[in-house]
Structure formats: C-alpha cells, structure tokens
Amino acid sequence: MSSPKANDLRPEGDRFSSRYGLILAALGMAIGTGNIWRFPRILSEYGGTFLVPWIVFLATWSIPLLIVESAMGKAGRRGTVGTFATILGPRYTWRGAWIGFCTMAIGFYYAVVTGWCLKYLLLSFTGGLSNKSGEEVWAAFSSDPYQQVLFQFLTLCLCVSIVSRGIHRGIERANRILIPSLFLILIVAGIRAVTLPGAGDGLQFLFSFDLDRLLDYKIWLDGLSQSAWSTGAGAGFILTYAAYAQRRQNVVHFSVSTGVGNNAASLLAAIAIIPAVFAVLPREQALAAVTQPGPASTGMTFVFLPGVFQDMPGGTMVFQPLFFLALSLAAVSSMIAVLELGARNLVDFGFPRRRAVGFLFVGVFTLGLPSALSSAFFLNQDWVWGLGLSISGLFVALAARSIGRETLLERINDAPGWKAGRRFVWFVFWMVPLQLVVLLGWWLYRSIADDTGAWWNPFRTHSFGTTVAQWAIALSLFFGLNRLLNARLVKR
C-alpha cells in the first residue's frame, strides 16, 4: 500500500488538526434531521418499545460497521470507491461505488429537507409562524414550488461554500461551532420541556413499553433503518472522514464516540419535543400530534410544533427559534458530510476539489428537484435509499471478511487506546450479515402475507417491489461499470 502522504487529497496534506476536530466532524455527520425530525416521529409511532431495536442495532450493527469503516478509511486514505479498489482489489470497486451512490441518493432529497429547516428558521425569527396554524404555514410553503426550490438552492450554496474550503479550514472549523451549539440548544430545550406542567404524560408515553410490539417486523426494520440512517453506519461517511485522520487517532474510540453521541442527541431531541407536546395539548390531541406523520412525514416537526410553541410560555420568542436553529445546524452539518463524500470520490477520479464541488452542486440540485416538487417521490426515495444503507452495511461487513482477521485487527488497533479483539471480528464476519438476511427475509415473508397482490409492484411508494427494483438497477449498473471505474481511478 502506498504511504498516507501519497494519498492526501491536497498536495500539502489536508487533515483534521486533532482528535477532537475529527470527532466533532463525525458527530456533525451523524447528528442531523434524522435525530431531531425523524427519530421522535418514529419513536412516537411505537412508543418506548422502539428503543429496544434502536439500541440493539446500535450495538450489533452500527458501531461494529463504524469501526470497520474507520479502519478502512484510515488505511486507504481515499473515498468509498478508491478505498474498495485499493484495499480489496479491483474486483470490488463496484461495491464502493454502490455505497457512494446510495448515500448521495439520500443527499438528493436531504438537501430539500435542509431547505425546509432553513425556511422555518427564517419564519421563526421573522414572526411568520405566529398567529397561524401549522397546517396553514406548511400548506402555503409546500404548495409553492418556487420556495421549495429556492431554499434547496440556498442550502447547497451554504454547504458548498464550506466544503470547497477543504477539511481543516472548512469542515472542521464549521463543526467546531455547529456541534457544541447544537448540544447546548438541545440540553436547554430538554430541561425546559420536562419542567412544563403536564410534561410527565409525555415522558410516560416516551418510555412506555409493549412487549407484543417487538413481534412486528416493521419495528425492527425501522430500528435498523434509523440506526444506520442516523449514525451513518455503512454509508461511507466515517470511511471518508477517517481518510483525513491523524495517524494517532484510535479507531475504536472514535467510532464508539460517534455512535453513542448520535444516540444521545436523538434522546435529547425526543425529550425536548414529546413532553412539550403533552404539556401544551390535551392528551388525545397530543397523541394525535406525535403519532400522525402528516404530509411527507412532516407532521410533528413542521405542522404541530409551531402551534405547540405558540401555547408555551416564551415559546414563540425563545424556544421556537432555538428549536429550528438546532434543526438547521444539524441538517447543515450532515449535508456537509454528504457533499464531502461525493467530493472525495470525484477527486479520486482526477477532479480538482473546487471543480468536484461545483459538479456536485449542479448534480445534487438537479437530481433533488423531483423530491422538492413531489412528496410522493420524496417518500419513495427516503424509503428505498434509507433501507439501501443495509446493503451498504453488508458490503462493509463482506469487506472485513476479505481483508482477513489478522490484517483487520492490525488496522483497527494501530493506535494507542481502546482495542478490538477476536470476538469483535467474529461478530462482524457472521452476525452482521446474518442480521440482514434474517430481517430482509422476514420483511419479504410479511410483505407477501400482508400485502397480497401488491407487494411486488415497483410503482408503489412503499413496497418490497419498488425497493428491490431500484436496488437492482443501481447494483447492475455499477457492477457493469466496474472495469471502467478502475480505469478512471487516479493511480497514487
């Protein structure tokens, strides 16, 4: 393998300046709208029972894959495509391409979501959410394609301006401000929420438990999807950021900190939101508010919460702007990671950084337009590529097997501090793939049993058929282009 210096993104060797800077950037990647918008919504659908599969998959799926990705990125010093080609050999380049594309496909519609956050942040500071129902505000915004596209465009302008400056001067410096600010806001909002009269009902609902719900395959699918989607396990983010890590960075500590910090932010967000809803609304209305997804799954965050803040002491003046500021900070930090993943891959194909970032700006904006203009398309893409991260995770686990036990442990344990042992390797080799096979098999069985005659339909928003059809197209494309991808990669 070539030396780390030879694989630097820029001639002078752009790196994170410290372990702290790398961990903040990784947390910025992981903590996004998935924590503040998506997690409370899914948690509300199942109650506290959802915490069981969510925590199980953190320990058995997300953290193990984050450790393997970190070790691969630190060793390969390239993006997802180049790392698979360099470490595993040219036969496996297509798998790195799948991981990169799957994550970028999420980024296409994620730029739209980030635009929603920035729009509501602006409204919260200008009084645009006062004296209006949440339904009215959302209906006016979502029905205006000009505004949808405008805020998608502004989102990309902001994030591209950061990514184009590189790792140390751009991404690290931005996350040193974004992530501490985000945690501070969530802590303040959480303390305020649980001290409101009536917040106890919300906490009781939040941590309620129903053993029978664990027999529903959907709660486990959602648990895996949420854990992978939120932590970025298998998505190539950590692999990309680890390519810029200092040699002394401990892979295990870095990965565990990212996974646990991400879940802590999710719980803080849920504690800040759900008890506040129960404190302000009557119980029946509160249950409806937290369990109804609303248009494009926006219900609780963009439809019900503005009304909750209006009825809360100091809500519209203080806590509403703080909430949407936290949501925007989280969304921007994650969108930065999406663009960096794409930029790193393009640079490995010979693009100068600024040209790569400019190409991504045009591509992400164009391919995100359908999600900005159609809620049905948005929901379909969220479903298909959110679950697609499970295939990405499988490819990471298979990569670990290809690397081999001794070499993998050597790369994971190449710095002082926390260590991984042989049991960890056994778990990654066998248990991670087994989890996916069991879960997808269970999903197929229940889809056939519960959705007879339509489970195969590739044109439905949510179905087994639409998911597998889109996966098959992408996998076939990258497998067919494997030789061309290898020929285009810049040899270093």
Protein backbone atom coordinates (compact mmCIF):
# COMPACT_ATOMS: atom_id res chain seq x y z
CA MET A 1 0.00 0.00 0.00
CA SER A 2 1.18 3.48 -0.78
CA SER A 3 2.04 5.83 2.03
CA PRO A 4 -0.62 8.10 3.62
CA LYS A 5 1.16 11.14 2.25
CA ALA A 6 0.85 9.89 -1.30
CA ASN A 7 -2.90 9.55 -0.87
CA ASP A 8 -3.53 13.03 0.52
CA LEU A 9 -6.38 14.94 -1.04
CA ARG A 10 -4.26 18.06 -1.50
CA PRO A 11 -0.50 18.40 -2.00
CA GLU A 12 0.04 19.92 1.42
CA GLY A 13 -1.92 17.13 3.13
CA ASP A 14 -5.31 18.37 4.34
CA ARG A 15 -6.04 16.74 7.72
CA PHE A 16 -8.16 17.17 10.81
CA SER A 17 -5.97 19.06 13.23
CA SER A 18 -6.84 16.93 16.27
CA ARG A 19 -8.88 14.01 17.55
CA TYR A 20 -11.41 16.48 18.92
CA GLY A 21 -11.86 18.06 15.49
CA LEU A 22 -12.39 14.67 13.85
CA ILE A 23 -14.92 13.53 16.45
CA LEU A 24 -16.88 16.79 16.13
CA ALA A 25 -16.96 16.39 12.35
CA ALA A 26 -18.14 12.78 12.72
CA LEU A 27 -20.85 13.88 15.16
CA GLY A 28 -21.80 16.60 12.70
CA MET A 29 -22.20 13.91 10.06
CA ALA A 30 -24.26 11.64 12.32
CA ILE A 31 -26.42 14.21 14.11
CA GLY A 32 -28.87 15.57 11.59
CA THR A 33 -32.57 15.82 10.94
CA GLY A 34 -32.65 12.06 11.50
CA ASN A 35 -32.17 12.81 15.20
CA ILE A 36 -34.48 15.81 15.61
CA TRP A 37 -37.13 15.26 12.93
CA ARG A 38 -37.09 11.54 12.09
CA PHE A 39 -36.28 9.86 15.42
CA PRO A 40 -39.02 11.48 17.55
CA ARG A 41 -41.54 10.74 14.77
CA ILE A 42 -40.65 7.03 14.57
CA LEU A 43 -40.35 6.73 18.35
CA SER A 44 -43.84 8.19 18.70
CA GLU A 45 -45.24 5.59 16.31
CA TYR A 46 -44.13 2.71 18.52
CA GLY A 47 -43.68 4.30 21.94
CA GLY A 48 -40.74 3.42 24.14
CA THR A 49 -40.73 -0.11 22.70
CA PHE A 50 -38.82 1.30 19.73
CA LEU A 51 -35.84 1.99 22.00
CA VAL A 52 -35.15 -1.77 22.18
CA PRO A 53 -34.39 -2.44 18.47
CA TRP A 54 -32.81 1.00 18.18
CA ILE A 55 -30.27 0.27 20.94
CA VAL A 56 -29.79 -3.35 19.80
CA PHE A 57 -28.84 -2.24 16.30
CA LEU A 58 -26.54 0.47 17.64
CA ALA A 59 -24.52 -2.22 19.43
CA THR A 60 -24.81 -5.04 16.89
CA TRP A 61 -24.87 -3.16 13.58
CA SER A 62 -23.88 0.50 13.67
CA ILE A 63 -20.85 0.61 15.96
CA PRO A 64 -19.19 -2.55 14.50
CA LEU A 65 -19.59 -1.18 10.97
CA LEU A 66 -18.34 2.27 12.02
CA ILE A 67 -15.20 0.63 13.43
CA VAL A 68 -14.54 -1.31 10.22
CA GLU A 69 -15.22 1.75 8.04
CA SER A 70 -12.90 3.89 10.15
CA ALA A 71 -10.10 1.36 9.85
CA MET A 72 -10.58 1.09 6.08
CA GLY A 73 -10.67 4.86 5.58
CA LYS A 74 -7.60 5.47 7.73
CA ALA A 75 -5.67 2.78 5.85
CA GLY A 76 -6.87 3.59 2.34
CA ARG A 77 -6.79 7.42 2.53
CA ARG A 78 -9.35 7.60 -0.29
CA GLY A 79 -13.14 7.77 -0.79
CA THR A 80 -15.52 4.83 -0.88
CA VAL A 81 -14.73 3.83 -4.48
CA GLY A 82 -10.97 4.22 -4.21
CA THR A 83 -10.77 2.52 -0.81
CA PHE A 84 -12.56 -0.62 -2.00
CA ALA A 85 -10.36 -0.70 -5.09
CA THR A 86 -7.14 -0.13 -3.14
CA ILE A 87 -7.71 -2.36 -0.11
CA LEU A 88 -9.85 -5.16 -1.56
CA GLY A 89 -8.71 -5.15 -5.16
CA PRO A 90 -10.23 -4.01 -8.47
CA ARG A 91 -12.92 -6.72 -8.49
CA TYR A 92 -14.73 -4.97 -5.61
CA THR A 93 -14.68 -1.39 -6.83
CA TRP A 94 -18.39 -1.57 -7.75
CA ARG A 95 -19.28 -2.13 -4.09
CA GLY A 96 -17.62 1.13 -3.08
CA ALA A 97 -19.49 2.81 -5.94
CA TRP A 98 -22.79 1.47 -4.62
CA ILE A 99 -22.06 2.82 -1.13
CA GLY A 100 -21.17 6.24 -2.53
CA PHE A 101 -24.25 6.38 -4.76
CA CYS A 102 -26.67 5.17 -2.08
CA THR A 103 -25.50 7.93 0.25
CA MET A 104 -25.62 10.55 -2.49
CA ALA A 105 -29.16 9.43 -3.36
CA ILE A 106 -30.10 10.24 0.23
CA GLY A 107 -28.34 13.57 -0.20
CA PHE A 108 -30.51 14.48 -3.21
CA TYR A 109 -33.65 14.69 -1.07
CA TYR A 110 -31.80 15.61 2.13
CA ALA A 111 -30.92 18.98 0.58
CA VAL A 112 -34.68 19.54 0.26
CA VAL A 113 -35.24 18.72 3.94
CA THR A 114 -32.40 21.06 4.94
CA GLY A 115 -34.13 23.75 2.89
CA TRP A 116 -37.30 23.21 4.92
CA CYS A 117 -35.30 23.69 8.11
CA LEU A 118 -33.77 26.95 6.90
CA LYS A 119 -37.17 28.23 5.78
CA TYR A 120 -38.72 27.57 9.19
CA LEU A 121 -35.70 29.08 10.93
CA LEU A 122 -36.29 32.26 8.94
CA LEU A 123 -40.02 32.20 9.72
CA SER A 124 -39.36 31.71 13.44
CA PHE A 125 -37.18 34.84 13.58
CA THR A 126 -39.49 36.98 11.44
CA GLY A 127 -42.78 36.08 13.13
CA GLY A 128 -44.03 34.09 10.17
CA LEU A 129 -45.12 31.21 12.43
CA SER A 130 -47.12 33.39 14.85
CA ASN A 131 -50.92 33.58 14.83
CA LYS A 132 -51.14 30.91 12.14
CA SER A 133 -51.86 27.22 12.35
CA GLY A 134 -49.04 24.85 11.47
CA GLU A 135 -51.21 23.35 8.73
CA GLU A 136 -51.64 26.75 7.06
CA VAL A 137 -47.94 27.55 7.14
CA TRP A 138 -46.88 24.17 5.80
CA ALA A 139 -49.60 24.12 3.11
CA ALA A 140 -48.53 27.55 1.87
CA PHE A 141 -44.84 26.61 1.79
CA SER A 142 -45.16 23.09 0.38
CA SER A 143 -47.54 24.18 -2.39
CA ASP A 144 -45.12 26.84 -3.61
CA PRO A 145 -42.55 25.14 -5.88
CA TYR A 146 -40.58 28.38 -6.16
CA GLN A 147 -39.89 28.47 -2.41
CA GLN A 148 -39.14 24.74 -2.25
CA VAL A 149 -36.52 25.07 -4.96
CA LEU A 150 -35.19 28.39 -3.65
CA PHE A 151 -34.39 27.03 -0.19
CA GLN A 152 -32.95 23.84 -1.67
CA PHE A 153 -30.66 26.08 -3.73
CA LEU A 154 -29.69 28.25 -0.73
CA THR A 155 -28.90 25.12 1.29
CA LEU A 156 -26.47 23.89 -1.32
CA CYS A 157 -24.86 27.33 -1.66
CA LEU A 158 -24.15 27.39 2.09
CA CYS A 159 -22.83 23.82 2.31
CA VAL A 160 -20.74 24.05 -0.88
CA SER A 161 -19.05 27.22 0.40
CA ILE A 162 -17.85 25.22 3.44
CA VAL A 163 -16.84 22.01 1.66
CA SER A 164 -14.91 23.88 -1.03
CA ARG A 165 -12.55 25.21 1.66
CA GLY A 166 -11.31 21.73 2.50
CA ILE A 167 -11.14 19.66 5.67
CA HIS A 168 -9.31 21.81 8.20
CA ARG A 169 -10.28 25.30 7.03
CA GLY A 170 -13.84 24.37 6.06
CA ILE A 171 -15.42 21.27 7.57
CA GLU A 172 -13.53 21.12 10.87
CA ARG A 173 -13.93 24.81 11.65
CA ALA A 174 -17.64 24.73 10.83
CA ASN A 175 -18.31 21.71 13.06
CA ARG A 176 -16.38 23.24 15.97
CA ILE A 177 -19.16 25.83 16.03
CA LEU A 178 -22.16 23.77 14.87
CA ILE A 179 -21.97 20.73 17.17
CA PRO A 180 -21.32 22.32 20.60
CA SER A 181 -24.04 24.87 19.79
CA LEU A 182 -26.43 22.08 18.83
CA PHE A 183 -25.91 20.10 22.04
CA LEU A 184 -26.28 23.23 24.16
CA ILE A 185 -29.59 24.09 22.50
CA LEU A 186 -30.93 20.53 22.89
CA ILE A 187 -30.00 20.44 26.58
CA VAL A 188 -31.66 23.81 27.28
CA ALA A 189 -34.77 22.81 25.31
CA GLY A 190 -34.94 19.43 27.06
CA ILE A 191 -34.73 20.98 30.53
CA ARG A 192 -37.46 23.45 29.65
CA ALA A 193 -39.72 20.73 28.19
CA VAL A 194 -39.59 18.37 31.20
CA THR A 195 -40.26 21.24 33.64
CA LEU A 196 -43.53 22.24 31.94
CA PRO A 197 -46.73 21.32 33.82
CA GLY A 198 -48.10 18.10 32.35
CA ALA A 199 -44.80 17.02 30.80
CA GLY A 200 -44.94 13.81 32.84
CA ASP A 201 -47.53 12.33 30.48
CA GLY A 202 -45.14 12.89 27.61
CA LEU A 203 -42.27 11.21 29.44
CA GLN A 204 -44.54 8.28 30.32
CA PHE A 205 -45.52 7.91 26.66
CA LEU A 206 -41.90 8.30 25.57
CA PHE A 207 -40.72 5.42 27.75
CA SER A 208 -43.85 3.21 27.58
CA PHE A 209 -43.21 -0.42 26.67
CA ASP A 210 -45.37 -3.03 24.91
CA LEU A 211 -43.73 -6.44 24.57
CA ASP A 212 -46.12 -7.54 21.81
CA ARG A 213 -44.89 -4.78 19.50
CA LEU A 214 -41.49 -6.45 19.35
CA LEU A 215 -43.14 -9.20 17.28
CA ASP A 216 -43.85 -6.69 14.49
CA TYR A 217 -41.19 -6.91 11.77
CA LYS A 218 -41.68 -3.23 10.92
CA ILE A 219 -40.33 -2.04 14.27
CA TRP A 220 -37.10 -3.96 13.61
CA LEU A 221 -36.84 -2.69 10.04
CA ASP A 222 -37.38 0.85 11.29
CA GLY A 223 -34.87 0.26 14.09
CA LEU A 224 -32.18 -0.85 11.65
CA SER A 225 -33.02 1.89 9.16
CA GLN A 226 -32.99 4.59 11.84
CA SER A 227 -29.74 3.41 13.40
CA ALA A 228 -27.96 3.11 10.06
CA TRP A 229 -29.50 6.32 8.67
CA SER A 230 -28.70 8.37 11.74
CA THR A 231 -25.23 7.10 12.64
CA GLY A 232 -24.17 6.82 9.01
CA ALA A 233 -23.07 3.19 9.53
CA GLY A 234 -22.25 1.67 6.17
CA ALA A 235 -22.86 4.95 4.38
CA GLY A 236 -19.20 5.75 3.76
CA PHE A 237 -19.20 8.97 5.81
CA ILE A 238 -16.89 7.69 8.52
CA LEU A 239 -14.71 5.99 5.93
CA THR A 240 -14.32 9.32 4.13
CA TYR A 241 -13.60 11.38 7.26
CA ALA A 242 -11.18 8.73 8.58
CA ALA A 243 -9.14 9.23 5.40
CA TYR A 244 -8.13 12.60 6.89
CA ALA A 245 -7.47 11.31 10.43
CA GLN A 246 -4.19 11.78 12.25
CA ARG A 247 -2.17 8.57 12.49
CA ARG A 248 -2.57 8.53 16.29
CA GLN A 249 -6.41 8.54 16.08
CA ASN A 250 -7.84 5.49 17.87
CA VAL A 251 -10.40 3.88 15.56
CA VAL A 252 -12.47 2.15 18.27
CA HIS A 253 -12.77 5.22 20.50
CA PHE A 254 -13.64 7.41 17.53
CA SER A 255 -16.38 5.05 16.29
CA VAL A 256 -17.97 4.39 19.69
CA SER A 257 -17.97 8.12 20.47
CA THR A 258 -19.75 8.80 17.20
CA GLY A 259 -22.43 6.15 17.72
CA VAL A 260 -23.13 6.90 21.38
CA GLY A 261 -23.03 10.67 20.84
CA ASN A 262 -25.50 10.34 18.00
CA ASN A 263 -27.97 8.34 20.09
CA ALA A 264 -27.60 10.77 22.99
CA ALA A 265 -28.56 13.64 20.69
CA SER A 266 -31.60 11.67 19.47
CA LEU A 267 -32.84 11.08 23.01
CA LEU A 268 -32.27 14.72 23.93
CA ALA A 269 -34.32 15.77 20.91
CA ALA A 270 -37.16 13.40 21.80
CA ILE A 271 -37.16 14.64 25.41
CA ALA A 272 -37.22 18.24 24.19
CA ILE A 273 -40.17 17.64 21.84
CA ILE A 274 -42.61 14.99 23.07
CA PRO A 275 -43.10 16.14 26.70
CA ALA A 276 -43.65 19.70 25.43
CA VAL A 277 -46.44 18.49 23.15
CA PHE A 278 -48.17 16.67 26.01
CA ALA A 279 -47.72 19.66 28.30
CA VAL A 280 -49.48 22.05 25.93
CA LEU A 281 -52.17 19.89 24.28
CA PRO A 282 -54.87 17.70 25.83
CA ARG A 283 -53.81 14.06 25.91
CA GLU A 284 -55.90 12.93 22.92
CA GLN A 285 -54.67 15.82 20.78
CA ALA A 286 -51.12 15.24 21.95
CA LEU A 287 -51.30 11.56 20.95
CA ALA A 288 -52.59 12.58 17.53
CA ALA A 289 -49.87 15.20 17.15
CA VAL A 290 -46.97 12.87 17.92
CA THR A 291 -48.23 9.80 16.06
CA GLN A 292 -49.58 11.27 12.81
CA PRO A 293 -46.81 11.57 10.20
CA GLY A 294 -48.51 14.36 8.27
CA PRO A 295 -47.66 15.29 4.67
CA ALA A 296 -44.25 13.94 3.63
CA SER A 297 -43.78 12.74 7.24
CA THR A 298 -43.52 16.37 8.38
CA GLY A 299 -46.40 16.21 10.87
CA MET A 300 -44.87 16.71 14.28
CA THR A 301 -41.94 18.95 13.37
CA PHE A 302 -43.31 21.29 10.75
CA VAL A 303 -47.09 21.08 11.33
CA PHE A 304 -47.81 20.54 15.03
CA LEU A 305 -44.79 22.00 16.82
CA PRO A 306 -45.31 25.62 15.67
CA GLY A 307 -48.72 25.53 17.37
CA VAL A 308 -47.22 23.96 20.49
CA PHE A 309 -44.66 26.79 20.74
CA GLN A 310 -47.41 29.39 20.48
CA ASP A 311 -49.12 27.94 23.56
CA MET A 312 -45.91 27.58 25.57
CA PRO A 313 -44.70 30.40 27.85
CA GLY A 314 -41.82 32.04 25.99
CA GLY A 315 -42.33 29.61 23.14
CA THR A 316 -42.50 31.86 20.10
CA MET A 317 -39.88 34.32 21.33
CA VAL A 318 -37.27 31.91 22.66
CA PHE A 319 -37.83 28.20 22.23
CA GLN A 320 -39.25 28.14 18.73
CA PRO A 321 -36.22 29.96 17.21
CA LEU A 322 -33.88 27.79 19.29
CA PHE A 323 -35.55 24.60 18.11
CA PHE A 324 -35.40 25.47 14.43
CA LEU A 325 -31.85 26.75 14.87
CA ALA A 326 -30.87 23.35 16.30
CA LEU A 327 -32.68 21.59 13.48
CA SER A 328 -30.91 23.74 10.87
CA LEU A 329 -27.49 23.27 12.47
CA ALA A 330 -27.98 19.50 12.46
CA ALA A 331 -29.20 19.44 8.87
CA VAL A 332 -26.35 21.59 7.54
CA SER A 333 -23.64 19.59 9.33
CA SER A 334 -24.95 16.36 7.81
CA MET A 335 -25.35 17.85 4.34
CA ILE A 336 -21.71 18.94 4.52
CA ALA A 337 -20.73 15.30 5.08
CA VAL A 338 -22.78 14.17 2.06
CA LEU A 339 -21.03 16.66 -0.21
CA GLU A 340 -17.59 15.77 1.16
CA LEU A 341 -18.20 12.09 0.47
CA GLY A 342 -19.08 12.90 -3.12
CA ALA A 343 -16.18 15.35 -3.49
CA ARG A 344 -13.65 12.84 -2.16
CA ASN A 345 -14.77 10.24 -4.69
CA LEU A 346 -14.61 12.70 -7.58
CA VAL A 347 -11.13 13.82 -6.54
CA ASP A 348 -10.04 10.19 -6.63
CA PHE A 349 -11.17 10.19 -10.26
CA GLY A 350 -8.91 13.16 -11.01
CA PHE A 351 -11.19 16.16 -10.41
CA PRO A 352 -9.65 19.20 -8.66
CA ARG A 353 -11.53 19.85 -5.41
CA ARG A 354 -13.27 23.06 -6.45
CA ARG A 355 -14.38 21.57 -9.75
CA ALA A 356 -15.61 18.45 -7.95
CA VAL A 357 -17.64 20.55 -5.50
CA GLY A 358 -19.09 22.61 -8.36
CA PHE A 359 -20.08 19.46 -10.22
CA LEU A 360 -21.78 18.14 -7.07
CA PHE A 361 -23.65 21.41 -6.61
CA VAL A 362 -25.22 21.09 -10.06
CA GLY A 363 -25.83 17.34 -9.76
CA VAL A 364 -27.37 17.32 -6.28
CA PHE A 365 -29.55 20.32 -7.07
CA THR A 366 -30.83 18.81 -10.34
CA LEU A 367 -31.44 15.30 -9.01
CA GLY A 368 -33.08 16.70 -5.88
CA LEU A 369 -35.69 18.67 -7.82
CA PRO A 370 -38.18 15.75 -8.10
CA SER A 371 -38.18 15.39 -4.30
CA ALA A 372 -38.67 19.14 -3.92
CA LEU A 373 -41.67 19.08 -6.26
CA SER A 374 -43.34 15.77 -5.34
CA SER A 375 -43.97 14.50 -1.81
CA ALA A 376 -44.72 11.00 -3.16
CA PHE A 377 -41.34 10.87 -4.88
CA PHE A 378 -39.67 12.22 -1.73
CA LEU A 379 -41.24 9.50 0.44
CA ASN A 380 -40.30 6.80 -2.05
CA GLN A 381 -36.65 7.85 -2.12
CA ASP A 382 -36.50 8.11 1.68
CA TRP A 383 -37.87 4.57 1.93
CA VAL A 384 -35.72 2.98 -0.80
CA TRP A 385 -32.31 4.51 -0.04
CA GLY A 386 -32.76 4.61 3.74
CA LEU A 387 -33.16 0.83 3.58
CA GLY A 388 -30.41 0.74 0.96
CA LEU A 389 -27.95 1.53 3.73
CA SER A 390 -28.49 -2.05 4.93
CA ILE A 391 -26.93 -3.31 1.67
CA SER A 392 -24.09 -0.81 2.12
CA GLY A 393 -23.53 -2.20 5.60
CA LEU A 394 -23.44 -5.73 4.22
CA PHE A 395 -20.73 -4.69 1.74
CA VAL A 396 -18.66 -3.24 4.60
CA ALA A 397 -19.02 -6.48 6.55
CA LEU A 398 -18.02 -8.51 3.49
CA ALA A 399 -15.05 -6.19 3.04
CA ALA A 400 -13.95 -7.03 6.56
CA ARG A 401 -14.03 -10.74 5.65
CA SER A 402 -11.97 -10.06 2.52
CA ILE A 403 -9.36 -8.13 4.49
CA GLY A 404 -8.95 -11.04 6.88
CA ARG A 405 -8.94 -11.33 10.65
CA GLU A 406 -5.31 -10.55 11.41
CA THR A 407 -4.96 -7.64 8.97
CA LEU A 408 -8.29 -6.16 10.07
CA LEU A 409 -7.31 -6.28 13.75
CA GLU A 410 -3.93 -4.77 12.92
CA ARG A 411 -5.59 -1.83 11.17
CA ILE A 412 -8.23 -1.34 13.86
CA ASN A 413 -5.68 -1.48 16.69
CA ASP A 414 -2.94 0.60 15.06
CA ALA A 415 -3.06 3.40 17.68
CA PRO A 416 -2.83 3.53 21.48
CA GLY A 417 -6.09 3.27 23.43
CA TRP A 418 -9.18 1.12 23.07
CA LYS A 419 -8.73 -2.22 21.27
CA ALA A 420 -10.96 -4.66 19.41
CA GLY A 421 -10.48 -8.39 19.93
CA ARG A 422 -11.10 -11.59 18.02
CA ARG A 423 -14.70 -11.81 19.23
CA PHE A 424 -15.40 -8.49 17.55
CA VAL A 425 -14.06 -9.81 14.25
CA TRP A 426 -16.19 -12.96 14.55
CA PHE A 427 -19.22 -10.79 15.17
CA VAL A 428 -18.61 -8.63 12.10
CA PHE A 429 -17.89 -11.67 9.91
CA TRP A 430 -21.01 -13.61 10.86
CA MET A 431 -23.59 -11.74 12.92
CA VAL A 432 -23.84 -8.56 10.85
CA PRO A 433 -24.66 -10.43 7.59
CA LEU A 434 -26.94 -12.82 9.47
CA GLN A 435 -28.96 -9.93 10.91
CA LEU A 436 -29.54 -8.54 7.45
CA VAL A 437 -30.51 -11.88 5.90
CA VAL A 438 -32.99 -12.62 8.70
CA LEU A 439 -34.50 -9.15 8.61
CA LEU A 440 -34.89 -8.94 4.84
CA GLY A 441 -36.28 -12.47 4.73
CA TRP A 442 -38.77 -11.59 7.46
CA TRP A 443 -39.72 -8.44 5.55
CA LEU A 444 -40.31 -10.41 2.32
CA TYR A 445 -42.43 -13.01 4.12
CA ARG A 446 -44.60 -10.43 5.86
CA SER A 447 -44.91 -8.35 2.68
CA ILE A 448 -46.27 -11.34 0.77
CA ALA A 449 -48.58 -12.31 3.63
CA ASP A 450 -49.91 -8.83 4.44
CA ASP A 451 -49.89 -7.17 1.00
CA THR A 452 -51.03 -9.95 -1.31
CA GLY A 453 -51.06 -8.94 -4.95
CA ALA A 454 -49.25 -5.62 -4.49
CA TRP A 455 -46.02 -6.31 -2.59
CA TRP A 456 -44.15 -6.75 -5.90
CA ASN A 457 -45.48 -3.52 -7.51
CA PRO A 458 -42.41 -1.35 -8.32
CA PHE A 459 -44.55 1.77 -8.75
CA ARG A 460 -45.90 1.97 -5.22
CA THR A 461 -44.41 4.49 -2.79
CA HIS A 462 -43.61 1.85 -0.16
CA SER A 463 -43.30 -1.75 -1.26
CA PHE A 464 -40.83 -4.58 -1.43
CA GLY A 465 -41.02 -4.39 -5.22
CA THR A 466 -40.08 -0.71 -5.60
CA THR A 467 -37.15 -1.15 -3.25
CA VAL A 468 -35.68 -4.23 -4.90
CA ALA A 469 -36.25 -2.84 -8.42
CA GLN A 470 -34.30 0.36 -7.73
CA TRP A 471 -31.58 -1.53 -5.87
CA ALA A 472 -31.23 -3.98 -8.78
CA ILE A 473 -30.87 -1.19 -11.35
CA ALA A 474 -28.12 0.56 -9.35
CA LEU A 475 -26.26 -2.66 -8.49
CA SER A 476 -26.35 -3.88 -12.10
CA LEU A 477 -25.11 -0.53 -13.36
CA PHE A 478 -22.11 -0.33 -11.04
CA PHE A 479 -21.22 -3.99 -11.50
CA GLY A 480 -21.27 -3.49 -15.26
CA LEU A 481 -19.11 -0.37 -14.98
CA ASN A 482 -16.56 -1.95 -12.64
CA ARG A 483 -13.77 -2.14 -15.25
CA LEU A 484 -14.35 1.45 -16.37
CA LEU A 485 -14.34 2.69 -12.77
CA ASN A 486 -10.97 1.06 -12.16
CA ALA A 487 -9.56 2.52 -15.36
CA ARG A 488 -10.65 6.03 -14.36
CA LEU A 489 -9.35 5.98 -10.80
CA VAL A 490 -6.21 8.07 -10.43
CA LYS A 491 -3.30 5.80 -9.50
CA ARG A 492 -1.45 7.14 -6.45
